[in-house]
Amino acid sequence: LADLDDIDLRSLRRNPHPGPFTELLNNADNEGFIGPRTCAKLAADFETYRPAAVAGLPPWALDLYDDWAAAFTLAARDGVGRLH
């Protein structure tokens, strides 16, 4: 995800700031919940960056990208994303 928008992960972790996918990139991937507003924002990020994903990801990674996009789209409707 960071490569789709040339995000420097070290810099993001030292100085968190809003941007595409930052709620995932600057978050523990093994615990916690993401509420519906943040899920809606992430779903929009996945939609916006899908052309870059199609152009730059191998097919197996694009499948995972689409799975994440679908999950956040679903959770944006009064749900939550659970990281575990």
Protein backbone atom coordinates (compact mmCIF):
# COMPACT_ATOMS: atom_id res chain seq x y z
CA LEU A 1 0.00 0.00 0.00
CA ALA A 2 2.80 2.40 0.83
CA ASP A 3 4.36 1.86 -2.58
CA LEU A 4 1.13 2.83 -4.37
CA ASP A 5 1.56 6.42 -3.14
CA ASP A 6 5.33 6.53 -2.47
CA ILE A 7 4.78 6.69 1.29
CA ASP A 8 7.95 6.48 3.39
CA LEU A 9 6.95 4.17 6.24
CA ARG A 10 9.81 5.19 8.53
CA SER A 11 8.87 8.84 8.18
CA LEU A 12 5.18 8.05 8.70
CA ARG A 13 5.90 6.16 11.90
CA ARG A 14 8.11 8.96 13.25
CA ASN A 15 5.67 11.69 12.23
CA PRO A 16 2.12 10.30 11.77
CA HIS A 17 -0.04 12.36 9.44
CA PRO A 18 -3.26 11.88 7.48
CA GLY A 19 -2.99 10.30 4.07
CA PRO A 20 -4.00 7.31 2.01
CA PHE A 21 -3.98 4.03 3.92
CA THR A 22 -2.24 5.62 6.93
CA GLU A 23 -4.72 4.07 9.37
CA LEU A 24 -3.45 0.66 8.26
CA LEU A 25 0.17 1.54 7.64
CA ASN A 26 0.66 3.14 11.03
CA ASN A 27 -1.26 0.58 13.05
CA ALA A 28 -0.51 -2.77 14.65
CA ASP A 29 -1.77 -5.42 12.26
CA ASN A 30 -2.50 -7.98 14.92
CA GLU A 31 -4.91 -6.26 17.28
CA GLY A 32 -7.64 -3.69 17.53
CA PHE A 33 -10.71 -2.43 15.76
CA ILE A 34 -11.33 0.17 13.06
CA GLY A 35 -14.68 1.96 13.27
CA PRO A 36 -17.11 2.64 10.43
CA ARG A 37 -15.93 6.18 9.62
CA THR A 38 -12.34 5.08 9.29
CA CYS A 39 -13.45 2.01 7.33
CA ALA A 40 -15.31 4.32 4.92
CA LYS A 41 -12.18 6.45 4.50
CA LEU A 42 -10.08 3.33 3.85
CA ALA A 43 -12.66 1.98 1.39
CA ALA A 44 -12.38 5.28 -0.51
CA ASP A 45 -8.57 4.99 -0.46
CA PHE A 46 -8.78 1.48 -1.92
CA GLU A 47 -11.15 2.71 -4.64
CA THR A 48 -8.95 5.71 -5.49
CA TYR A 49 -5.75 3.68 -5.71
CA ARG A 50 -7.18 0.65 -7.52
CA PRO A 51 -5.85 1.77 -10.95
CA ALA A 52 -2.35 1.99 -9.46
CA ALA A 53 -2.85 -1.41 -7.83
CA VAL A 54 -3.96 -2.96 -11.13
CA ALA A 55 -0.92 -1.50 -12.87
CA GLY A 56 1.64 -2.30 -10.20
CA LEU A 57 0.65 -5.42 -8.28
CA PRO A 58 0.99 -9.06 -9.28
CA PRO A 59 -2.34 -10.92 -9.61
CA TRP A 60 -2.12 -12.60 -6.20
CA ALA A 61 -1.53 -9.24 -4.48
CA LEU A 62 -4.35 -7.60 -6.43
CA ASP A 63 -6.67 -10.33 -5.15
CA LEU A 64 -5.67 -9.46 -1.57
CA TYR A 65 -6.07 -5.75 -2.32
CA ASP A 66 -9.61 -6.38 -3.56
CA ASP A 67 -10.41 -8.49 -0.48
CA TRP A 68 -9.30 -5.65 1.82
CA ALA A 69 -11.27 -3.14 -0.25
CA ALA A 70 -14.41 -5.28 -0.01
CA ALA A 71 -13.98 -5.74 3.74
CA PHE A 72 -13.66 -2.00 4.41
CA THR A 73 -16.58 -1.22 2.10
CA LEU A 74 -18.73 -3.67 4.03
CA ALA A 75 -17.57 -2.44 7.44
CA ALA A 76 -18.22 1.20 6.45
CA ARG A 77 -21.93 0.44 6.72
CA ASP A 78 -22.15 0.65 10.54
CA GLY A 79 -19.66 -2.13 11.07
CA VAL A 80 -16.09 -2.42 12.28
CA GLY A 81 -12.87 -3.84 10.97
CA ARG A 82 -11.19 -6.20 13.41
CA LEU A 83 -7.46 -6.74 13.14
CA HIS A 84 -6.17 -9.98 14.58
